[in-house]
N, C-alpha and C. Protein backbone atom coordinates (compact mmCIF):
# COMPACT_ATOMS: atom_id res chain seq x y z
N MET A 1 13.27 19.75 22.44
CA MET A 1 13.19 18.89 21.18
C MET A 1 13.37 19.82 20.54
N THR A 2 14.41 19.61 19.07
CA THR A 2 14.44 20.37 18.21
C THR A 2 13.51 20.49 17.00
N SER A 3 13.50 21.40 16.32
CA SER A 3 12.59 21.41 14.89
C SER A 3 13.27 20.97 13.93
N LEU A 4 12.81 20.00 12.98
CA LEU A 4 13.37 19.45 12.04
C LEU A 4 13.32 20.69 10.49
N THR A 5 14.79 20.71 10.09
CA THR A 5 14.56 21.78 8.63
C THR A 5 14.07 21.21 7.74
N ARG A 6 13.47 21.96 6.82
CA ARG A 6 12.59 21.70 5.67
C ARG A 6 13.34 20.11 4.91
N MET A 7 14.66 20.52 4.76
CA MET A 7 15.29 19.21 3.81
C MET A 7 15.43 18.23 4.95
N GLU A 8 15.48 17.92 6.17
CA GLU A 8 14.98 16.85 7.11
C GLU A 8 13.75 16.01 6.70
N ILE A 9 12.55 16.96 6.92
CA ILE A 9 11.27 16.49 6.71
C ILE A 9 11.16 15.93 5.15
N GLY A 10 11.90 16.74 3.95
CA GLY A 10 12.06 15.91 2.73
C GLY A 10 12.78 14.44 2.75
N ARG A 11 13.65 14.59 3.45
CA ARG A 11 14.58 12.86 3.69
C ARG A 11 13.33 12.08 4.08
N VAL A 12 12.61 12.24 5.29
CA VAL A 12 12.11 11.38 5.77
C VAL A 12 10.83 11.17 5.27
N GLY A 13 10.21 11.97 4.43
CA GLY A 13 9.01 11.94 3.32
C GLY A 13 9.48 11.13 2.58
N ARG A 14 10.65 11.16 1.68
CA ARG A 14 10.96 10.40 0.42
C ARG A 14 11.28 8.95 1.46
N PHE A 15 11.93 8.63 2.38
CA PHE A 15 11.96 7.65 2.85
C PHE A 15 10.76 7.10 2.98
N TRP A 16 9.57 7.27 3.42
CA TRP A 16 8.59 6.83 3.82
C TRP A 16 7.82 6.43 2.30
N ARG A 17 7.80 7.44 1.20
CA ARG A 17 7.28 6.85 -0.16
C ARG A 17 7.96 6.02 -0.49
N VAL A 18 9.52 5.54 -0.52
CA VAL A 18 9.92 4.48 -1.26
C VAL A 18 9.40 3.57 -0.54
N GLY A 19 9.38 3.67 0.92
CA GLY A 19 8.88 2.10 1.66
C GLY A 19 7.52 1.80 1.44
N LEU A 20 6.94 2.81 0.81
CA LEU A 20 5.29 2.74 0.43
C LEU A 20 5.31 1.86 -0.89
N TRP A 21 5.90 2.27 -1.64
CA TRP A 21 5.78 2.26 -2.95
C TRP A 21 6.49 1.01 -3.19
N GLY A 22 7.44 0.76 -2.45
CA GLY A 22 8.56 -0.64 -2.64
C GLY A 22 7.67 -2.02 -1.99
N LEU A 23 6.83 -1.85 -1.03
CA LEU A 23 6.03 -2.55 -0.43
C LEU A 23 4.99 -3.13 -1.27
N ILE A 24 4.52 -2.18 -2.22
CA ILE A 24 3.56 -2.65 -2.75
C ILE A 24 4.20 -3.48 -4.07
N VAL A 25 5.48 -3.07 -4.64
CA VAL A 25 5.90 -3.65 -5.56
C VAL A 25 6.33 -4.94 -4.87
N VAL A 26 6.55 -5.47 -3.78
CA VAL A 26 6.75 -6.56 -3.02
C VAL A 26 5.72 -7.35 -3.05
N LEU A 27 4.90 -6.84 -2.74
CA LEU A 27 2.99 -7.53 -2.71
C LEU A 27 3.01 -8.20 -3.82
N LEU A 28 2.88 -7.41 -4.41
CA LEU A 28 2.48 -7.77 -6.45
C LEU A 28 3.21 -8.63 -6.56
N LEU A 29 4.39 -8.71 -6.31
CA LEU A 29 5.61 -9.73 -6.92
C LEU A 29 5.56 -10.99 -6.05
N THR A 30 4.72 -10.68 -4.99
CA THR A 30 5.27 -12.16 -3.90
C THR A 30 4.12 -13.41 -4.52
N PRO A 31 2.85 -13.05 -5.36
CA PRO A 31 2.58 -14.33 -5.92
C PRO A 31 2.80 -14.68 -6.87
N LEU A 32 3.59 -14.12 -7.92
CA LEU A 32 4.27 -14.29 -8.95
C LEU A 32 5.40 -15.28 -8.91
N VAL A 33 6.21 -15.19 -7.93
CA VAL A 33 7.50 -15.88 -7.24
C VAL A 33 6.94 -17.01 -6.84
N ALA A 34 5.63 -17.18 -5.77
CA ALA A 34 4.79 -18.25 -5.32
C ALA A 34 4.57 -19.19 -6.46
N MET A 35 4.15 -18.59 -7.76
CA MET A 35 3.35 -19.44 -8.81
C MET A 35 4.69 -20.22 -9.83
N GLN A 36 6.02 -19.58 -9.41
CA GLN A 36 6.65 -20.49 -9.59
C GLN A 36 7.32 -21.96 -8.87
N PHE A 37 6.71 -21.77 -7.70
CA PHE A 37 7.63 -22.84 -6.76
C PHE A 37 6.29 -23.86 -6.49
N THR A 38 4.71 -23.27 -6.30
CA THR A 38 3.52 -24.09 -5.92
C THR A 38 2.56 -24.32 -7.14
N ARG A 39 1.83 -24.99 -7.26
CA ARG A 39 0.58 -24.93 -7.58
C ARG A 39 -0.69 -24.21 -6.63
N GLU A 40 -0.34 -24.34 -5.80
CA GLU A 40 -1.31 -23.68 -4.79
C GLU A 40 -1.65 -21.99 -5.18
N VAL A 41 -0.68 -21.34 -5.72
CA VAL A 41 -1.05 -20.18 -6.07
C VAL A 41 -0.92 -19.98 -7.79
N ALA A 42 -2.09 -19.53 -8.39
CA ALA A 42 -2.47 -19.85 -9.55
C ALA A 42 -3.27 -18.30 -9.90
N TRP A 43 -2.40 -17.43 -9.98
CA TRP A 43 -3.41 -16.32 -10.35
C TRP A 43 -2.89 -15.95 -12.08
N ASP A 44 -4.08 -15.10 -12.55
CA ASP A 44 -4.35 -15.06 -13.90
C ASP A 44 -3.63 -13.50 -13.96
N GLY A 45 -3.86 -12.96 -15.48
CA GLY A 45 -3.62 -11.40 -15.58
C GLY A 45 -4.60 -10.67 -14.71
N ALA A 46 -6.22 -11.33 -14.32
CA ALA A 46 -6.94 -10.60 -14.11
C ALA A 46 -6.68 -10.32 -12.39
N ASP A 47 -6.20 -11.23 -11.66
CA ASP A 47 -5.66 -11.24 -10.58
C ASP A 47 -4.81 -10.28 -10.02
N PHE A 48 -3.77 -10.32 -11.16
CA PHE A 48 -2.88 -9.16 -11.05
C PHE A 48 -3.24 -7.62 -11.22
N ALA A 49 -4.08 -7.48 -12.24
CA ALA A 49 -4.62 -6.44 -12.56
C ALA A 49 -5.38 -5.75 -11.06
N PHE A 50 -6.70 -6.75 -10.58
CA PHE A 50 -6.79 -6.45 -9.45
C PHE A 50 -6.42 -5.87 -8.33
N ALA A 51 -5.01 -7.08 -7.91
CA ALA A 51 -4.48 -6.32 -7.09
C ALA A 51 -3.96 -5.27 -7.27
N GLY A 52 -3.12 -4.85 -8.55
CA GLY A 52 -2.42 -3.51 -8.72
C GLY A 52 -3.44 -2.52 -8.82
N LEU A 53 -4.40 -2.89 -9.06
CA LEU A 53 -5.54 -1.61 -9.19
C LEU A 53 -5.71 -1.26 -7.26
N LEU A 54 -5.87 -2.02 -6.77
CA LEU A 54 -6.23 -2.04 -5.51
C LEU A 54 -5.44 -1.45 -4.83
N LEU A 55 -4.02 -1.95 -4.62
CA LEU A 55 -2.98 -1.31 -4.18
C LEU A 55 -2.60 -0.20 -4.36
N VAL A 56 -2.27 -0.02 -5.61
CA VAL A 56 -1.59 1.22 -6.05
C VAL A 56 -2.93 2.69 -5.72
N GLY A 57 -4.40 1.75 -6.13
CA GLY A 57 -5.40 3.01 -5.57
C GLY A 57 -5.49 3.38 -4.57
N ALA A 58 -5.03 2.62 -3.44
CA ALA A 58 -4.44 3.18 -2.02
C ALA A 58 -3.26 3.63 -1.88
N GLY A 59 -2.56 3.39 -2.49
CA GLY A 59 -1.26 4.06 -2.33
C GLY A 59 -1.41 5.47 -2.68
N LEU A 60 -1.53 5.51 -4.12
CA LEU A 60 -2.14 7.16 -4.46
C LEU A 60 -3.19 7.76 -3.42
N LEU A 61 -3.90 7.13 -3.13
CA LEU A 61 -5.11 8.22 -2.12
C LEU A 61 -4.19 8.34 -1.02
N PHE A 62 -3.51 7.30 -0.32
CA PHE A 62 -2.27 8.15 0.94
C PHE A 62 -1.55 9.19 0.34
N GLU A 63 -1.27 8.97 -0.86
CA GLU A 63 0.01 10.06 -1.09
C GLU A 63 -0.90 11.32 -1.03
N LEU A 64 -1.90 11.53 -1.67
CA LEU A 64 -3.01 12.67 -1.57
C LEU A 64 -3.22 13.00 -0.33
N ALA A 65 -3.42 12.11 0.31
CA ALA A 65 -4.00 12.40 1.86
C ALA A 65 -3.13 13.07 2.59
N ALA A 66 -1.56 12.22 2.51
CA ALA A 66 -0.30 12.86 3.04
C ALA A 66 -0.01 14.33 2.67
N ARG A 67 -0.32 14.55 1.70
CA ARG A 67 -0.04 16.22 1.18
C ARG A 67 -0.82 16.84 1.53
N ALA A 68 -1.87 16.42 1.79
CA ALA A 68 -3.22 17.61 1.85
C ALA A 68 -2.94 18.00 3.64
N THR A 69 -2.49 17.40 4.60
CA THR A 69 -2.09 17.49 6.11
C THR A 69 -0.82 17.08 6.52
N ARG A 70 -0.40 17.93 7.27
CA ARG A 70 0.62 17.96 7.81
C ARG A 70 0.77 17.22 9.27
N SER A 71 -0.17 16.80 9.74
CA SER A 71 -0.59 16.17 10.94
C SER A 71 0.20 14.71 11.19
N VAL A 72 1.10 14.15 11.31
CA VAL A 72 1.42 13.02 11.49
C VAL A 72 0.28 11.94 11.85
N MET A 73 -0.50 12.45 12.90
CA MET A 73 -1.75 11.31 13.41
C MET A 73 -2.72 11.19 12.11
N TRP A 74 -2.94 12.73 11.72
CA TRP A 74 -3.89 12.32 10.42
C TRP A 74 -3.33 11.53 9.88
N ARG A 75 -2.56 11.60 9.44
CA ARG A 75 -1.68 10.74 8.26
C ARG A 75 -2.03 8.97 8.76
N MET A 76 -1.22 9.19 10.03
CA MET A 76 -1.70 7.64 10.63
C MET A 76 -3.14 6.90 10.42
N ALA A 77 -3.93 7.95 11.15
CA ALA A 77 -5.33 7.85 10.99
C ALA A 77 -5.86 7.26 9.32
N ILE A 78 -5.50 8.13 8.47
CA ILE A 78 -5.55 7.87 7.33
C ILE A 78 -5.24 6.36 6.52
N GLY A 79 -3.96 6.08 6.97
CA GLY A 79 -3.29 4.96 6.65
C GLY A 79 -3.96 3.89 7.19
N ALA A 80 -4.56 3.72 8.41
CA ALA A 80 -5.21 2.68 9.01
C ALA A 80 -6.49 2.44 8.09
N VAL A 81 -7.37 3.68 7.95
CA VAL A 81 -8.71 3.26 7.43
C VAL A 81 -8.18 2.61 5.92
N LEU A 82 -7.29 3.40 5.10
CA LEU A 82 -6.86 2.69 3.82
C LEU A 82 -6.69 1.35 3.72
N LEU A 83 -5.62 1.19 4.87
CA LEU A 83 -5.32 -0.40 5.21
C LEU A 83 -6.27 -1.27 5.46
N LEU A 84 -6.90 -1.12 5.98
CA LEU A 84 -8.67 -1.13 6.67
C LEU A 84 -9.34 -1.98 5.46
N GLY A 85 -9.14 -0.84 4.53
CA GLY A 85 -10.09 -1.33 3.53
C GLY A 85 -9.39 -2.20 2.66
N VAL A 86 -8.29 -1.87 2.31
CA VAL A 86 -7.78 -2.66 1.68
C VAL A 86 -7.78 -4.04 1.88
N LEU A 87 -7.94 -4.67 3.24
CA LEU A 87 -8.08 -5.98 3.39
C LEU A 87 -9.48 -6.44 3.74
N VAL A 88 -10.35 -5.35 3.83
CA VAL A 88 -11.69 -6.15 3.45
C VAL A 88 -12.09 -6.32 2.20
N ILE A 89 -11.61 -5.63 1.03
CA ILE A 89 -11.73 -5.79 -0.20
C ILE A 89 -11.03 -6.80 -0.52
N TRP A 90 -9.65 -6.85 -0.28
CA TRP A 90 -9.23 -8.56 -0.40
C TRP A 90 -9.52 -9.84 0.07
N ALA A 91 -10.04 -9.34 1.33
CA ALA A 91 -10.76 -10.86 1.81
C ALA A 91 -12.05 -11.11 1.37
N ASP A 92 -12.57 -10.40 0.91
CA ASP A 92 -13.77 -10.32 0.10
C ASP A 92 -13.85 -10.97 -1.11
N ALA A 93 -12.87 -10.81 -1.82
CA ALA A 93 -12.32 -10.85 -3.20
C ALA A 93 -11.58 -12.08 -3.40
N ALA A 94 -11.09 -12.87 -1.90
CA ALA A 94 -10.31 -14.16 -1.73
C ALA A 94 -11.06 -15.12 -1.61
N VAL A 95 -12.23 -14.62 -0.84
CA VAL A 95 -13.00 -16.14 -0.02
C VAL A 95 -14.72 -15.71 -0.45
N GLY A 96 -15.15 -14.43 -0.26
CA GLY A 96 -16.50 -13.82 -0.25
C GLY A 96 -16.36 -14.00 1.40
N VAL A 97 -15.92 -13.42 1.88
CA VAL A 97 -16.37 -12.84 3.30
C VAL A 97 -17.45 -12.55 3.64
N PHE A 98 -17.48 -11.23 3.04
CA PHE A 98 -18.97 -10.41 3.30
C PHE A 98 -19.98 -10.63 2.27
């Protein structure tokens, strides 16, 4: 197995960063688009602000954690914990599960 050069590692990192922030944008735009087609989705400004704060905050925390460690396993573990936290907060805010 060959080691990656610094430039190749940078390209892989940029790919994942663009994917992460692109996913956050898509998640925030999905209810906006759904509101155009159905009355089942009725978000207001506070809902978008909450979702944006939650998703962008988790994304920033992941960025900071990813810069702090080089281990892919640690990055995956941190990402999984952040994802679980976002899902728990989202579920509680949506229907008051907890």
